Amino acid sequence: MTRSAKPQKSPRSSKSRRAAPDGTTKLQIILNLLSRDSGAALDDLCKATGWQSHSVRGAMAGTLKRKGHIITSQKNDGVRMYHLTGSN
């Protein structure tokens, strides 16, 4: 009885983990968009980071909250807008 070899997984692209050429991380991009006077819609945050909506919401509710940032949301004309209102 012979075992077939498992197919090799292709190496994960490091592109998704790299910062922008200017050194800006995706979390910094989110913070920059949230700190605008108008705030940011979820679609704007997804387009800017290349992340799916659940990943953006997770970053706001988890990582950024643990770092002490206070993010609020408000629905205007059917679009939820997120704002950075402060930090601890």
N, C-alpha and C. Protein backbone atom coordinates (compact mmCIF):
# COMPACT_ATOMS: atom_id res chain seq x y z
N MET A 1 0.84 -1.18 0.00
CA MET A 1 0.00 0.00 0.00
C MET A 1 0.89 1.25 0.00
N THR A 2 0.71 2.05 -0.99
CA THR A 2 1.51 3.27 -1.08
C THR A 2 0.64 4.48 -0.82
N ARG A 3 1.26 5.43 -0.24
CA ARG A 3 0.54 6.69 0.02
C ARG A 3 0.88 7.67 -1.07
N SER A 4 -0.12 8.35 -1.49
CA SER A 4 0.16 9.40 -2.47
C SER A 4 0.67 10.64 -1.75
N ALA A 5 1.58 11.27 -2.36
CA ALA A 5 2.16 12.47 -1.75
C ALA A 5 1.14 13.59 -1.76
N LYS A 6 1.14 14.34 -0.68
CA LYS A 6 0.23 15.49 -0.62
C LYS A 6 0.72 16.56 -1.58
N PRO A 7 -0.21 17.19 -2.27
CA PRO A 7 0.23 18.27 -3.16
C PRO A 7 0.82 19.42 -2.35
N GLN A 8 1.86 19.98 -2.87
CA GLN A 8 2.51 21.09 -2.19
C GLN A 8 1.63 22.33 -2.28
N LYS A 9 1.52 23.01 -1.16
CA LYS A 9 0.79 24.28 -1.15
C LYS A 9 1.68 25.35 -1.72
N SER A 10 1.07 26.22 -2.48
CA SER A 10 1.87 27.33 -3.00
C SER A 10 2.16 28.30 -1.86
N PRO A 11 3.33 28.89 -1.85
CA PRO A 11 3.65 29.82 -0.76
C PRO A 11 2.70 31.00 -0.77
N ARG A 12 2.31 31.39 0.40
CA ARG A 12 1.39 32.51 0.53
C ARG A 12 2.06 33.80 0.10
N SER A 13 1.36 34.56 -0.66
CA SER A 13 1.90 35.82 -1.13
C SER A 13 2.11 36.77 0.04
N SER A 14 3.24 37.38 0.10
CA SER A 14 3.50 38.34 1.17
C SER A 14 2.92 39.71 0.83
N LYS A 15 2.35 39.81 -0.35
CA LYS A 15 1.78 41.09 -0.79
C LYS A 15 0.70 41.57 0.17
N SER A 16 -0.14 40.64 0.66
CA SER A 16 -1.25 41.03 1.52
C SER A 16 -0.77 41.52 2.89
N ARG A 17 0.46 41.18 3.28
CA ARG A 17 0.96 41.55 4.60
C ARG A 17 1.91 42.73 4.56
N ARG A 18 2.23 43.21 3.39
CA ARG A 18 3.19 44.31 3.28
C ARG A 18 2.51 45.65 3.46
N ALA A 19 3.25 46.58 3.97
CA ALA A 19 2.76 47.95 4.08
C ALA A 19 2.89 48.61 2.71
N ALA A 20 2.22 49.71 2.55
CA ALA A 20 2.32 50.47 1.31
C ALA A 20 3.76 50.96 1.14
N PRO A 21 4.14 51.35 -0.08
CA PRO A 21 5.51 51.81 -0.30
C PRO A 21 5.95 52.94 0.63
N ASP A 22 5.00 53.75 1.06
CA ASP A 22 5.37 54.84 1.97
C ASP A 22 5.39 54.41 3.44
N GLY A 23 5.17 53.12 3.71
CA GLY A 23 5.21 52.60 5.07
C GLY A 23 3.88 52.61 5.79
N THR A 24 2.83 53.04 5.13
CA THR A 24 1.51 53.11 5.73
C THR A 24 0.90 51.72 5.80
N THR A 25 0.44 51.32 6.98
CA THR A 25 -0.22 50.03 7.13
C THR A 25 -1.71 50.18 6.84
N LYS A 26 -2.39 49.06 6.67
CA LYS A 26 -3.82 49.11 6.39
C LYS A 26 -4.60 49.65 7.59
N LEU A 27 -4.13 49.37 8.80
CA LEU A 27 -4.79 49.94 9.97
C LEU A 27 -4.62 51.46 10.01
N GLN A 28 -3.47 51.95 9.59
CA GLN A 28 -3.27 53.40 9.51
C GLN A 28 -4.17 54.01 8.44
N ILE A 29 -4.35 53.31 7.34
CA ILE A 29 -5.25 53.79 6.28
C ILE A 29 -6.67 53.90 6.83
N ILE A 30 -7.11 52.88 7.58
CA ILE A 30 -8.44 52.93 8.18
C ILE A 30 -8.55 54.10 9.14
N LEU A 31 -7.57 54.29 9.99
CA LEU A 31 -7.60 55.41 10.94
C LEU A 31 -7.64 56.75 10.23
N ASN A 32 -6.87 56.90 9.15
CA ASN A 32 -6.87 58.15 8.39
C ASN A 32 -8.24 58.44 7.80
N LEU A 33 -8.89 57.41 7.25
CA LEU A 33 -10.22 57.61 6.67
C LEU A 33 -11.26 57.91 7.75
N LEU A 34 -11.16 57.24 8.89
CA LEU A 34 -12.12 57.46 9.98
C LEU A 34 -11.96 58.83 10.61
N SER A 35 -10.78 59.41 10.55
CA SER A 35 -10.56 60.69 11.20
C SER A 35 -10.96 61.88 10.33
N ARG A 36 -11.37 61.63 9.11
CA ARG A 36 -11.88 62.72 8.27
C ARG A 36 -13.15 63.29 8.90
N ASP A 37 -13.46 64.55 8.61
CA ASP A 37 -14.68 65.16 9.15
C ASP A 37 -15.92 64.38 8.75
N SER A 38 -15.94 63.89 7.52
CA SER A 38 -17.10 63.16 7.02
C SER A 38 -17.09 61.70 7.46
N GLY A 39 -15.98 61.22 8.03
CA GLY A 39 -15.87 59.82 8.40
C GLY A 39 -15.68 58.97 7.16
N ALA A 40 -16.07 57.71 7.24
CA ALA A 40 -15.90 56.80 6.11
C ALA A 40 -17.00 55.75 6.12
N ALA A 41 -17.47 55.43 4.93
CA ALA A 41 -18.44 54.34 4.77
C ALA A 41 -17.66 53.03 4.68
N LEU A 42 -18.33 51.94 4.97
CA LEU A 42 -17.69 50.64 4.93
C LEU A 42 -17.11 50.34 3.54
N ASP A 43 -17.83 50.72 2.50
CA ASP A 43 -17.32 50.51 1.14
C ASP A 43 -16.01 51.24 0.90
N ASP A 44 -15.90 52.47 1.41
CA ASP A 44 -14.66 53.24 1.27
C ASP A 44 -13.50 52.53 1.96
N LEU A 45 -13.76 52.00 3.15
CA LEU A 45 -12.72 51.31 3.91
C LEU A 45 -12.30 50.02 3.21
N CYS A 46 -13.27 49.30 2.65
CA CYS A 46 -12.96 48.06 1.94
C CYS A 46 -12.12 48.33 0.69
N LYS A 47 -12.49 49.36 -0.05
CA LYS A 47 -11.74 49.68 -1.27
C LYS A 47 -10.32 50.14 -0.95
N ALA A 48 -10.17 50.90 0.11
CA ALA A 48 -8.86 51.43 0.47
C ALA A 48 -7.90 50.34 0.96
N THR A 49 -8.44 49.33 1.64
CA THR A 49 -7.59 48.29 2.21
C THR A 49 -7.52 47.03 1.35
N GLY A 50 -8.53 46.82 0.52
CA GLY A 50 -8.60 45.58 -0.25
C GLY A 50 -9.17 44.43 0.58
N TRP A 51 -9.71 44.76 1.75
CA TRP A 51 -10.27 43.75 2.64
C TRP A 51 -11.76 43.59 2.39
N GLN A 52 -12.31 42.46 2.83
CA GLN A 52 -13.75 42.25 2.79
C GLN A 52 -14.36 42.97 3.98
N SER A 53 -15.67 43.19 3.90
CA SER A 53 -16.35 44.00 4.92
C SER A 53 -16.21 43.41 6.32
N HIS A 54 -16.30 42.09 6.46
CA HIS A 54 -16.19 41.50 7.80
C HIS A 54 -14.80 41.70 8.38
N SER A 55 -13.79 41.80 7.54
CA SER A 55 -12.43 42.03 8.03
C SER A 55 -12.26 43.47 8.51
N VAL A 56 -12.85 44.40 7.79
CA VAL A 56 -12.78 45.82 8.19
C VAL A 56 -13.52 46.02 9.51
N ARG A 57 -14.72 45.46 9.61
CA ARG A 57 -15.48 45.60 10.86
C ARG A 57 -14.74 44.94 12.02
N GLY A 58 -14.12 43.80 11.77
CA GLY A 58 -13.35 43.12 12.80
C GLY A 58 -12.16 43.94 13.27
N ALA A 59 -11.49 44.59 12.33
CA ALA A 59 -10.35 45.44 12.68
C ALA A 59 -10.80 46.62 13.54
N MET A 60 -11.95 47.19 13.19
CA MET A 60 -12.45 48.33 13.98
C MET A 60 -12.90 47.88 15.36
N ALA A 61 -13.65 46.78 15.43
CA ALA A 61 -14.21 46.32 16.70
C ALA A 61 -13.17 45.62 17.56
N GLY A 62 -12.14 45.09 16.97
CA GLY A 62 -11.14 44.35 17.73
C GLY A 62 -9.85 45.10 17.89
N THR A 63 -9.05 45.09 16.86
CA THR A 63 -7.69 45.65 16.94
C THR A 63 -7.67 47.11 17.34
N LEU A 64 -8.44 47.93 16.64
CA LEU A 64 -8.40 49.37 16.93
C LEU A 64 -9.00 49.69 18.30
N LYS A 65 -10.05 48.95 18.67
CA LYS A 65 -10.65 49.15 19.99
C LYS A 65 -9.66 48.78 21.09
N ARG A 66 -8.93 47.67 20.92
CA ARG A 66 -7.94 47.26 21.92
C ARG A 66 -6.80 48.27 22.02
N LYS A 67 -6.53 48.98 20.93
CA LYS A 67 -5.48 50.01 20.95
C LYS A 67 -5.98 51.31 21.57
N GLY A 68 -7.26 51.35 21.97
CA GLY A 68 -7.79 52.50 22.68
C GLY A 68 -8.55 53.50 21.83
N HIS A 69 -8.78 53.19 20.57
CA HIS A 69 -9.52 54.10 19.70
C HIS A 69 -11.02 53.93 19.92
N ILE A 70 -11.72 55.04 19.87
CA ILE A 70 -13.18 55.02 20.03
C ILE A 70 -13.79 55.34 18.66
N ILE A 71 -14.54 54.37 18.13
CA ILE A 71 -15.14 54.50 16.81
C ILE A 71 -16.65 54.44 16.97
N THR A 72 -17.32 55.44 16.42
CA THR A 72 -18.78 55.47 16.46
C THR A 72 -19.31 55.35 15.04
N SER A 73 -20.59 54.98 14.95
CA SER A 73 -21.20 54.89 13.63
C SER A 73 -22.57 55.55 13.68
N GLN A 74 -22.97 56.01 12.52
CA GLN A 74 -24.23 56.72 12.39
C GLN A 74 -24.76 56.45 10.99
N LYS A 75 -26.06 56.23 10.88
CA LYS A 75 -26.64 55.95 9.57
C LYS A 75 -27.22 57.24 8.99
N ASN A 76 -26.71 57.63 7.83
CA ASN A 76 -27.18 58.83 7.14
C ASN A 76 -27.67 58.43 5.75
N ASP A 77 -28.92 58.70 5.44
CA ASP A 77 -29.50 58.39 4.13
C ASP A 77 -29.27 56.93 3.74
N GLY A 78 -29.39 56.03 4.71
CA GLY A 78 -29.25 54.61 4.44
C GLY A 78 -27.82 54.10 4.38
N VAL A 79 -26.83 54.98 4.59
CA VAL A 79 -25.42 54.58 4.55
C VAL A 79 -24.83 54.76 5.94
N ARG A 80 -24.26 53.70 6.48
CA ARG A 80 -23.63 53.79 7.79
C ARG A 80 -22.25 54.41 7.64
N MET A 81 -22.02 55.48 8.39
CA MET A 81 -20.74 56.19 8.37
C MET A 81 -20.05 55.96 9.70
N TYR A 82 -18.77 55.64 9.63
CA TYR A 82 -17.96 55.40 10.82
C TYR A 82 -17.04 56.58 11.05
N HIS A 83 -16.87 56.96 12.33
CA HIS A 83 -16.06 58.11 12.70
C HIS A 83 -15.13 57.75 13.85
N LEU A 84 -13.94 58.28 13.82
CA LEU A 84 -13.02 58.15 14.94
C LEU A 84 -13.32 59.32 15.86
N THR A 85 -13.83 59.03 17.06
CA THR A 85 -14.26 60.11 17.95
C THR A 85 -13.26 60.37 19.06
N GLY A 86 -12.28 59.53 19.21
CA GLY A 86 -11.27 59.76 20.23
C GLY A 86 -10.46 58.52 20.49
N SER A 87 -9.58 58.64 21.44
CA SER A 87 -8.79 57.47 21.86
C SER A 87 -8.46 57.61 23.33
N ASN A 88 -8.28 56.48 23.96
CA ASN A 88 -7.98 56.45 25.39
C ASN A 88 -6.51 56.55 25.63
